[in-house]
Amino acid sequence: MTLSHLSCNENLNPRRAFGSLPAMESSPTTGVSSVTGAPQRKPALPLGLKPMEWAVLLVASLLVLAASYRGWWTIGVAEAWGFATGGVCVWLVVREHLWNWPIGLANNVFFLVLFFRSRLYADMGLQVVYFGLGVYGWLNWLFGGENRTVLRVSRTTRIEWLALAVAIPVCAWGLREILLAANGAAPFWDALTTVLSLAAQYLLCRKRFENWWFWIAADLVYIPLYLSRALPLTALLYAVFLGMCLAGVREWRRSLGRGAGAA
């Protein structure tokens, strides 16, 4: 799934969202003229992010891809594309930007190929589930709010917490048994991160604030796991994800507070 206020989706017209990008702003849209004292409207940010944010995302992505194609680093093309699309996707999630979803779908395809080659079968299968959840999340962010409006950040419900408390250990144990039979590279850790990631992705689709805590827990396991499988760039990517998750906690907490104030 950046470091400014999140008011993007609240002004989005859902019926036009698939045809155009929403204008997203990271600060209040009005100010006061120093000359007349009259309110002034600040210009909307291009495509919802600051120019510096777009520049950093573009340059970092191009450098990683160039390093792969030119042979500067010993990384595969799938891993490079996974790094580029994954970093952009998570940044856009932190910003509550709707386009995190289509970029995330592309990211699922690249990582499916990567994990298949590394024999991380649970993570490979997870990408298929992610793809389906990504389509659901995209539609839910658009129409999942009151009266089919855009969805706002909210807290996880008690029923959801209860379901997660039961499902996570049971599913992790069951998946571990399957991976043992399939000769997976790291059955327990692979199963644990898979289940945590699925829980986090569900909460993200529902735009629950607590999705970030599940992503953080998964990333703390993913980083050493990928290092052990000789995937250094992917491990670095998840370290970047971890930092973005911490930013997401801060930004979504602000958005949650604004939503409570508006209610």
C-alpha atoms as a PDB file:
ATOM      1  CA  MET A   1       0.000   0.000   0.000  1.00  0.00           C
ATOM      2  CA  THR A   2       2.185   9.589   1.260  1.00  0.00           C
ATOM      3  CA  LEU A   3       3.326  11.506   4.195  1.00  0.00           C
ATOM      4  CA  SER A   4       0.570  14.078   4.173  1.00  0.00           C
ATOM      5  CA  HIS A   5      -3.129  14.327   4.945  1.00  0.00           C
ATOM      6  CA  LEU A   6      -5.462  11.908   3.198  1.00  0.00           C
ATOM      7  CA  SER A   7      -8.542  13.549   1.727  1.00  0.00           C
ATOM      8  CA  CYS A   8      -8.352  11.922  -1.678  1.00  0.00           C
ATOM      9  CA  ASN A   9     -11.257   9.575  -1.973  1.00  0.00           C
ATOM     10  CA  GLU A  10     -13.785  11.666  -0.119  1.00  0.00           C
ATOM     11  CA  ASN A  11     -14.171  13.999  -3.109  1.00  0.00           C
ATOM     12  CA  LEU A  12     -14.074  11.261  -5.745  1.00  0.00           C
ATOM     13  CA  ASN A  13     -17.073  10.748  -7.983  1.00  0.00           C
ATOM     14  CA  PRO A  14     -17.272   6.941  -8.031  1.00  0.00           C
ATOM     15  CA  ARG A  15     -19.013   6.771 -11.416  1.00  0.00           C
ATOM     16  CA  ARG A  16     -16.078   8.511 -13.085  1.00  0.00           C
ATOM     17  CA  ALA A  17     -13.314   6.800 -11.132  1.00  0.00           C
ATOM     18  CA  PHE A  18     -12.529   4.127 -13.702  1.00  0.00           C
ATOM     19  CA  GLY A  19     -12.180   6.706 -16.437  1.00  0.00           C
ATOM     20  CA  SER A  20     -10.109   9.346 -14.694  1.00  0.00           C
ATOM     21  CA  LEU A  21      -7.802   9.806 -11.755  1.00  0.00           C
ATOM     22  CA  PRO A  22      -9.180  11.543  -8.682  1.00  0.00           C
ATOM     23  CA  ALA A  23      -7.739  14.862  -7.671  1.00  0.00           C
ATOM     24  CA  MET A  24      -6.154  14.156  -4.300  1.00  0.00           C
ATOM     25  CA  GLU A  25      -4.921  16.728  -1.886  1.00  0.00           C
ATOM     26  CA  SER A  26      -2.568  16.425   1.059  1.00  0.00           C
ATOM     27  CA  SER A  27      -3.513  19.664   2.769  1.00  0.00           C
ATOM     28  CA  PRO A  28      -6.603  21.859   3.166  1.00  0.00           C
ATOM     29  CA  THR A  29      -7.772  23.320  -0.123  1.00  0.00           C
ATOM     30  CA  THR A  30      -8.387  26.814   1.122  1.00  0.00           C
ATOM     31  CA  GLY A  31      -6.175  29.509   2.495  1.00  0.00           C
ATOM     32  CA  VAL A  32      -6.389  33.230   3.212  1.00  0.00           C
ATOM     33  CA  SER A  33      -5.072  35.930   0.917  1.00  0.00           C
ATOM     34  CA  SER A  34      -2.411  38.038   2.569  1.00  0.00           C
ATOM     35  CA  VAL A  35      -3.643  41.041   0.582  1.00  0.00           C
ATOM     36  CA  THR A  36      -7.435  40.928   0.728  1.00  0.00           C
ATOM     37  CA  GLY A  37      -8.042  38.483   3.551  1.00  0.00           C
ATOM     38  CA  ALA A  38     -10.413  36.543   1.304  1.00  0.00           C
ATOM     39  CA  PRO A  39     -10.289  32.745   1.145  1.00  0.00           C
ATOM     40  CA  GLN A  40      -8.174  31.307  -1.638  1.00  0.00           C
ATOM     41  CA  ARG A  41      -8.279  27.810  -3.064  1.00  0.00           C
ATOM     42  CA  LYS A  42      -4.970  25.998  -3.353  1.00  0.00           C
ATOM     43  CA  PRO A  43      -4.307  24.130  -6.607  1.00  0.00           C
ATOM     44  CA  ALA A  44      -4.970  20.371  -6.525  1.00  0.00           C
ATOM     45  CA  LEU A  45      -1.948  18.122  -6.572  1.00  0.00           C
ATOM     46  CA  PRO A  46      -1.255  16.440  -9.930  1.00  0.00           C
ATOM     47  CA  LEU A  47      -2.709  12.912  -9.864  1.00  0.00           C
ATOM     48  CA  GLY A  48      -3.066  13.179  -6.105  1.00  0.00           C
ATOM     49  CA  LEU A  49       0.640  13.262  -5.148  1.00  0.00           C
ATOM     50  CA  LYS A  50       3.261  15.949  -4.813  1.00  0.00           C
ATOM     51  CA  PRO A  51       5.654  16.321  -7.770  1.00  0.00           C
ATOM     52  CA  MET A  52       8.555  15.210  -5.568  1.00  0.00           C
ATOM     53  CA  GLU A  53       6.685  12.030  -4.660  1.00  0.00           C
ATOM     54  CA  TRP A  54       6.127  11.161  -8.314  1.00  0.00           C
ATOM     55  CA  ALA A  55       9.764  11.946  -9.095  1.00  0.00           C
ATOM     56  CA  VAL A  56      11.069   9.652  -6.355  1.00  0.00           C
ATOM     57  CA  LEU A  57       8.755   6.808  -7.383  1.00  0.00           C
ATOM     58  CA  LEU A  58       9.668   7.143 -11.044  1.00  0.00           C
ATOM     59  CA  VAL A  59      13.429   7.428 -10.566  1.00  0.00           C
ATOM     60  CA  ALA A  60      13.601   4.561  -8.071  1.00  0.00           C
ATOM     61  CA  SER A  61      11.535   2.294 -10.317  1.00  0.00           C
ATOM     62  CA  LEU A  62      13.580   3.099 -13.429  1.00  0.00           C
ATOM     63  CA  LEU A  63      16.856   2.500 -11.606  1.00  0.00           C
ATOM     64  CA  VAL A  64      15.750  -0.929 -10.406  1.00  0.00           C
ATOM     65  CA  LEU A  65      14.502  -1.945 -13.845  1.00  0.00           C
ATOM     66  CA  ALA A  66      17.638  -0.657 -15.554  1.00  0.00           C
ATOM     67  CA  ALA A  67      19.823  -2.560 -13.086  1.00  0.00           C
ATOM     68  CA  SER A  68      18.006  -5.773 -13.966  1.00  0.00           C
ATOM     69  CA  TYR A  69      17.928  -5.382 -17.739  1.00  0.00           C
ATOM     70  CA  ARG A  70      21.517  -4.108 -17.962  1.00  0.00           C
ATOM     71  CA  GLY A  71      22.888  -6.750 -15.617  1.00  0.00           C
ATOM     72  CA  TRP A  72      24.209  -4.279 -13.044  1.00  0.00           C
ATOM     73  CA  TRP A  73      22.730  -6.397 -10.232  1.00  0.00           C
ATOM     74  CA  THR A  74      22.184 -10.143 -10.115  1.00  0.00           C
ATOM     75  CA  ILE A  75      18.410  -9.839  -9.895  1.00  0.00           C
ATOM     76  CA  GLY A  76      15.796 -11.308 -12.181  1.00  0.00           C
ATOM     77  CA  VAL A  77      13.390  -9.310 -14.278  1.00  0.00           C
ATOM     78  CA  ALA A  78      10.366 -10.576 -12.320  1.00  0.00           C
ATOM     79  CA  GLU A  79      11.936  -9.490  -9.023  1.00  0.00           C
ATOM     80  CA  ALA A  80      12.768  -6.056 -10.459  1.00  0.00           C
ATOM     81  CA  TRP A  81       9.237  -5.489 -11.713  1.00  0.00           C
ATOM     82  CA  GLY A  82       7.874  -6.764  -8.412  1.00  0.00           C
ATOM     83  CA  PHE A  83      10.036  -4.257  -6.577  1.00  0.00           C
ATOM     84  CA  ALA A  84       8.951  -1.355  -8.786  1.00  0.00           C
ATOM     85  CA  THR A  85       5.215  -2.041  -8.786  1.00  0.00           C
ATOM     86  CA  GLY A  86       5.181  -3.095  -5.128  1.00  0.00           C
ATOM     87  CA  GLY A  87       6.839   0.066  -3.887  1.00  0.00           C
ATOM     88  CA  VAL A  88       4.515   2.302  -5.875  1.00  0.00           C
ATOM     89  CA  CYS A  89       1.462   0.310  -4.785  1.00  0.00           C
ATOM     90  CA  VAL A  90       2.164   0.535  -1.055  1.00  0.00           C
ATOM     91  CA  TRP A  91       2.967   4.254  -1.294  1.00  0.00           C
ATOM     92  CA  LEU A  92      -0.406   4.832  -2.943  1.00  0.00           C
ATOM     93  CA  VAL A  93      -2.145   2.777  -0.239  1.00  0.00           C
ATOM     94  CA  VAL A  94      -0.618   5.011   2.418  1.00  0.00           C
ATOM     95  CA  ARG A  95      -2.033   7.970   0.485  1.00  0.00           C
ATOM     96  CA  GLU A  96      -5.433   6.245   0.106  1.00  0.00           C
ATOM     97  CA  HIS A  97      -5.008   6.632  -3.636  1.00  0.00           C
ATOM     98  CA  LEU A  98      -7.454   4.553  -5.672  1.00  0.00           C
ATOM     99  CA  TRP A  99      -4.825   3.572  -8.231  1.00  0.00           C
ATOM    100  CA  ASN A 100      -3.025   1.400  -5.704  1.00  0.00           C
ATOM    101  CA  TRP A 101      -5.423  -1.351  -6.808  1.00  0.00           C
ATOM    102  CA  PRO A 102      -4.592  -1.715 -10.544  1.00  0.00           C
ATOM    103  CA  ILE A 103      -0.881  -1.354  -9.824  1.00  0.00           C
ATOM    104  CA  GLY A 104      -1.244  -3.964  -7.106  1.00  0.00           C
ATOM    105  CA  LEU A 105      -2.850  -6.365  -9.578  1.00  0.00           C
ATOM    106  CA  ALA A 106       0.187  -6.081 -11.846  1.00  0.00           C
ATOM    107  CA  ASN A 107       2.421  -6.629  -8.830  1.00  0.00           C
ATOM    108  CA  ASN A 108       0.593  -9.896  -8.063  1.00  0.00           C
ATOM    109  CA  VAL A 109       1.487 -11.288 -11.483  1.00  0.00           C
ATOM    110  CA  PHE A 110       5.196 -10.497 -11.156  1.00  0.00           C
ATOM    111  CA  PHE A 111       5.448 -11.977  -7.672  1.00  0.00           C
ATOM    112  CA  LEU A 112       3.554 -15.111  -8.685  1.00  0.00           C
ATOM    113  CA  VAL A 113       6.305 -15.839 -11.214  1.00  0.00           C
ATOM    114  CA  LEU A 114       9.053 -14.981  -8.725  1.00  0.00           C
ATOM    115  CA  PHE A 115       7.730 -17.168  -5.899  1.00  0.00           C
ATOM    116  CA  PHE A 116       7.100 -20.112  -8.213  1.00  0.00           C
ATOM    117  CA  ARG A 117      10.771 -20.090  -9.197  1.00  0.00           C
ATOM    118  CA  SER A 118      11.809 -19.859  -5.504  1.00  0.00           C
ATOM    119  CA  ARG A 119       9.517 -22.742  -4.401  1.00  0.00           C
ATOM    120  CA  LEU A 120       7.637 -20.494  -1.991  1.00  0.00           C
ATOM    121  CA  TYR A 121       4.351 -22.095  -2.957  1.00  0.00           C
ATOM    122  CA  ALA A 122       2.139 -20.494  -0.332  1.00  0.00           C
ATOM    123  CA  ASP A 123       3.308 -17.032  -1.329  1.00  0.00           C
ATOM    124  CA  MET A 124       2.766 -17.981  -4.965  1.00  0.00           C
ATOM    125  CA  GLY A 125      -0.806 -19.056  -4.272  1.00  0.00           C
ATOM    126  CA  LEU A 126      -1.302 -15.955  -2.189  1.00  0.00           C
ATOM    127  CA  GLN A 127      -0.843 -13.817  -5.286  1.00  0.00           C
ATOM    128  CA  VAL A 128      -3.848 -15.488  -6.919  1.00  0.00           C
ATOM    129  CA  VAL A 129      -5.967 -14.729  -3.864  1.00  0.00           C
ATOM    130  CA  TYR A 130      -4.555 -11.190  -3.760  1.00  0.00           C
ATOM    131  CA  PHE A 131      -5.655 -10.674  -7.345  1.00  0.00           C
ATOM    132  CA  GLY A 132      -9.244 -11.549  -6.494  1.00  0.00           C
ATOM    133  CA  LEU A 133      -9.167  -9.465  -3.335  1.00  0.00           C
ATOM    134  CA  GLY A 134      -7.648  -6.605  -5.317  1.00  0.00           C
ATOM    135  CA  VAL A 135     -10.638  -6.491  -7.647  1.00  0.00           C
ATOM    136  CA  TYR A 136     -12.975  -6.638  -4.634  1.00  0.00           C
ATOM    137  CA  GLY A 137     -11.032  -3.943  -2.780  1.00  0.00           C
ATOM    138  CA  TRP A 138     -11.047  -1.648  -5.803  1.00  0.00           C
ATOM    139  CA  LEU A 139     -14.826  -1.855  -6.096  1.00  0.00           C
ATOM    140  CA  ASN A 140     -15.328  -1.640  -2.337  1.00  0.00           C
ATOM    141  CA  TRP A 141     -13.242   1.527  -2.007  1.00  0.00           C
ATOM    142  CA  LEU A 142     -15.367   3.032  -4.757  1.00  0.00           C
ATOM    143  CA  PHE A 143     -18.839   1.972  -3.691  1.00  0.00           C
ATOM    144  CA  GLY A 144     -18.527   0.465  -0.195  1.00  0.00           C
ATOM    145  CA  GLY A 145     -19.474   3.585   1.727  1.00  0.00           C
ATOM    146  CA  GLU A 146     -22.893   4.755   2.823  1.00  0.00           C
ATOM    147  CA  ASN A 147     -25.326   4.914  -0.091  1.00  0.00           C
ATOM    148  CA  ARG A 148     -22.690   3.440  -2.442  1.00  0.00           C
ATOM    149  CA  THR A 149     -20.272   6.303  -1.878  1.00  0.00           C
ATOM    150  CA  VAL A 150     -16.505   6.044  -1.458  1.00  0.00           C
ATOM    151  CA  LEU A 151     -15.362   4.094   1.577  1.00  0.00           C
ATOM    152  CA  ARG A 152     -13.872   5.886   4.587  1.00  0.00           C
ATOM    153  CA  VAL A 153     -11.240   4.598   7.010  1.00  0.00           C
ATOM    154  CA  SER A 154     -12.837   2.795   9.959  1.00  0.00           C
ATOM    155  CA  ARG A 155     -12.015   0.503  12.874  1.00  0.00           C
ATOM    156  CA  THR A 156     -12.121  -3.289  12.793  1.00  0.00           C
ATOM    157  CA  THR A 157     -15.362  -4.600  14.305  1.00  0.00           C
ATOM    158  CA  ARG A 158     -15.574  -7.011  17.229  1.00  0.00           C
ATOM    159  CA  ILE A 159     -16.921  -9.754  14.987  1.00  0.00           C
ATOM    160  CA  GLU A 160     -13.977  -9.316  12.624  1.00  0.00           C
ATOM    161  CA  TRP A 161     -11.501  -9.485  15.512  1.00  0.00           C
ATOM    162  CA  LEU A 162     -13.126 -12.687  16.761  1.00  0.00           C
ATOM    163  CA  ALA A 163     -13.051 -14.248  13.305  1.00  0.00           C
ATOM    164  CA  LEU A 164      -9.389 -13.337  12.845  1.00  0.00           C
ATOM    165  CA  ALA A 165      -8.430 -14.681  16.272  1.00  0.00           C
ATOM    166  CA  VAL A 166      -9.873 -18.071  15.318  1.00  0.00           C
ATOM    167  CA  ALA A 167      -8.926 -18.180  11.639  1.00  0.00           C
ATOM    168  CA  ILE A 168      -5.267 -17.118  11.816  1.00  0.00           C
ATOM    169  CA  PRO A 169      -3.887 -19.959  14.013  1.00  0.00           C
ATOM    170  CA  VAL A 170      -6.148 -22.616  12.474  1.00  0.00           C
ATOM    171  CA  CYS A 171      -5.359 -21.636   8.881  1.00  0.00           C
ATOM    172  CA  ALA A 172      -1.644 -21.233   9.595  1.00  0.00           C
ATOM    173  CA  TRP A 173      -1.479 -24.749  11.071  1.00  0.00           C
ATOM    174  CA  GLY A 174      -3.423 -26.275   8.202  1.00  0.00           C
ATOM    175  CA  LEU A 175      -1.370 -24.513   5.549  1.00  0.00           C
ATOM    176  CA  ARG A 176       1.867 -25.580   7.236  1.00  0.00           C
ATOM    177  CA  GLU A 177       0.808 -29.217   6.939  1.00  0.00           C
ATOM    178  CA  ILE A 178       0.086 -28.761   3.249  1.00  0.00           C
ATOM    179  CA  LEU A 179       3.449 -27.089   2.647  1.00  0.00           C
ATOM    180  CA  LEU A 180       5.279 -29.855   4.484  1.00  0.00           C
ATOM    181  CA  ALA A 181       3.697 -32.357   2.134  1.00  0.00           C
ATOM    182  CA  ALA A 182       4.601 -30.157  -0.867  1.00  0.00           C
ATOM    183  CA  ASN A 183       8.250 -29.885   0.265  1.00  0.00           C
ATOM    184  CA  GLY A 184       8.054 -26.124   0.662  1.00  0.00           C
ATOM    185  CA  ALA A 185      11.237 -24.215   1.436  1.00  0.00           C
ATOM    186  CA  ALA A 186      10.050 -22.735   4.763  1.00  0.00           C
ATOM    187  CA  PRO A 187       6.657 -24.266   5.600  1.00  0.00           C
ATOM    188  CA  PHE A 188       5.961 -22.701   9.004  1.00  0.00           C
ATOM    189  CA  TRP A 189       7.115 -19.162   8.223  1.00  0.00           C
ATOM    190  CA  ASP A 190       5.652 -19.315   4.744  1.00  0.00           C
ATOM    191  CA  ALA A 191       2.288 -20.376   6.173  1.00  0.00           C
ATOM    192  CA  LEU A 192       2.342 -17.759   8.939  1.00  0.00           C
ATOM    193  CA  THR A 193       3.147 -14.852   6.628  1.00  0.00           C
ATOM    194  CA  THR A 194       0.570 -16.053   4.118  1.00  0.00           C
ATOM    195  CA  VAL A 195      -2.238 -16.075   6.678  1.00  0.00           C
ATOM    196  CA  LEU A 196      -1.182 -12.750   8.200  1.00  0.00           C
ATOM    197  CA  SER A 197      -1.043 -11.188   4.749  1.00  0.00           C
ATOM    198  CA  LEU A 198      -4.484 -12.489   3.838  1.00  0.00           C
ATOM    199  CA  ALA A 199      -5.899 -11.034   7.047  1.00  0.00           C
ATOM    200  CA  ALA A 200      -4.196  -7.717   6.335  1.00  0.00           C
ATOM    201  CA  GLN A 201      -5.436  -7.673   2.746  1.00  0.00           C
ATOM    202  CA  TYR A 202      -9.024  -8.330   3.813  1.00  0.00           C
ATOM    203  CA  LEU A 203      -8.864  -5.473   6.314  1.00  0.00           C
ATOM    204  CA  LEU A 204      -7.325  -3.242   3.640  1.00  0.00           C
ATOM    205  CA  CYS A 205     -10.183  -4.055   1.274  1.00  0.00           C
ATOM    206  CA  ARG A 206     -12.570  -3.000   4.055  1.00  0.00           C
ATOM    207  CA  LYS A 207     -10.390   0.059   4.688  1.00  0.00           C
ATOM    208  CA  ARG A 208      -9.887  -0.896   8.329  1.00  0.00           C
ATOM    209  CA  PHE A 209      -7.181   1.064  10.122  1.00  0.00           C
ATOM    210  CA  GLU A 210      -5.769  -2.057  11.805  1.00  0.00           C
ATOM    211  CA  ASN A 211      -4.670  -3.579   8.494  1.00  0.00           C
ATOM    212  CA  TRP A 212      -1.334  -1.849   9.047  1.00  0.00           C
ATOM    213  CA  TRP A 213      -0.533  -3.849  12.211  1.00  0.00           C
ATOM    214  CA  PHE A 214      -0.973  -7.120  10.320  1.00  0.00           C
ATOM    215  CA  TRP A 215       1.240  -5.911   7.459  1.00  0.00           C
ATOM    216  CA  ILE A 216       3.929  -4.878   9.950  1.00  0.00           C
ATOM    217  CA  ALA A 217       3.863  -8.293  11.634  1.00  0.00           C
ATOM    218  CA  ALA A 218       4.131 -10.054   8.272  1.00  0.00           C
ATOM    219  CA  ASP A 219       6.960  -7.811   7.037  1.00  0.00           C
ATOM    220  CA  LEU A 220       9.030  -8.522  10.144  1.00  0.00           C
ATOM    221  CA  VAL A 221       8.988 -12.198   9.141  1.00  0.00           C
ATOM    222  CA  TYR A 222       9.222 -11.683   5.389  1.00  0.00           C
ATOM    223  CA  ILE A 223      12.529  -9.790   5.495  1.00  0.00           C
ATOM    224  CA  PRO A 224      14.695 -12.589   6.974  1.00  0.00           C
ATOM    225  CA  LEU A 225      12.691 -15.224   5.061  1.00  0.00           C
ATOM    226  CA  TYR A 226      13.529 -13.707   1.681  1.00  0.00           C
ATOM    227  CA  LEU A 227      17.147 -13.157   2.647  1.00  0.00           C
ATOM    228  CA  SER A 228      17.364 -16.876   3.436  1.00  0.00           C
ATOM    229  CA  ARG A 229      15.981 -17.666  -0.039  1.00  0.00           C
ATOM    230  CA  ALA A 230      18.603 -15.496  -1.815  1.00  0.00           C
ATOM    231  CA  LEU A 231      16.098 -12.784  -2.744  1.00  0.00           C
ATOM    232  CA  PRO A 232      17.939  -9.697  -1.485  1.00  0.00           C
ATOM    233  CA  LEU A 233      16.001  -7.144  -3.506  1.00  0.00           C
ATOM    234  CA  THR A 234      12.677  -8.561  -2.385  1.00  0.00           C
ATOM    235  CA  ALA A 235      13.916  -8.476   1.231  1.00  0.00           C
ATOM    236  CA  LEU A 236      14.900  -4.834   0.699  1.00  0.00           C
ATOM    237  CA  LEU A 237      11.491  -4.147  -0.793  1.00  0.00           C
ATOM    238  CA  TYR A 238       9.788  -5.527   2.303  1.00  0.00           C
ATOM    239  CA  ALA A 239      12.040  -3.405   4.498  1.00  0.00           C
ATOM    240  CA  VAL A 240      10.787  -0.419   2.495  1.00  0.00           C
ATOM    241  CA  PHE A 241       7.246  -1.747   2.948  1.00  0.00           C
ATOM    242  CA  LEU A 242       7.828  -1.816   6.690  1.00  0.00           C
ATOM    243  CA  GLY A 243       8.764   1.848   6.706  1.00  0.00           C
ATOM    244  CA  MET A 244       5.745   2.679   4.551  1.00  0.00           C
ATOM    245  CA  CYS A 245       3.504   0.744   6.947  1.00  0.00           C
ATOM    246  CA  LEU A 246       4.660   2.936   9.796  1.00  0.00           C
ATOM    247  CA  ALA A 247       3.847   5.984   7.677  1.00  0.00           C
ATOM    248  CA  GLY A 248       0.481   4.399   6.890  1.00  0.00           C
ATOM    249  CA  VAL A 249      -0.317   4.048  10.596  1.00  0.00           C
ATOM    250  CA  ARG A 250       0.304   7.750  11.084  1.00  0.00           C
ATOM    251  CA  GLU A 251      -1.600   8.918   8.008  1.00  0.00           C
ATOM    252  CA  TRP A 252      -4.600   6.637   8.378  1.00  0.00           C
ATOM    253  CA  ARG A 253      -4.902   7.567  12.050  1.00  0.00           C
ATOM    254  CA  ARG A 254      -5.230  11.197  10.943  1.00  0.00           C
ATOM    255  CA  SER A 255      -7.794  10.225   8.317  1.00  0.00           C
ATOM    256  CA  LEU A 256      -9.694   8.199  10.917  1.00  0.00           C
ATOM    257  CA  GLY A 257      -9.771  11.233  13.201  1.00  0.00           C
ATOM    258  CA  ARG A 258     -11.086  13.459  10.434  1.00  0.00           C
ATOM    259  CA  GLY A 259     -13.786  10.921   9.640  1.00  0.00           C
ATOM    260  CA  ALA A 260     -14.874  10.820  13.282  1.00  0.00           C
ATOM    261  CA  GLY A 261     -14.950  14.596  13.355  1.00  0.00           C
ATOM    262  CA  ALA A 262     -17.079  14.753  10.224  1.00  0.00           C
ATOM    263  CA  ALA A 263     -19.498  12.196  11.681  1.00  0.00           C
END
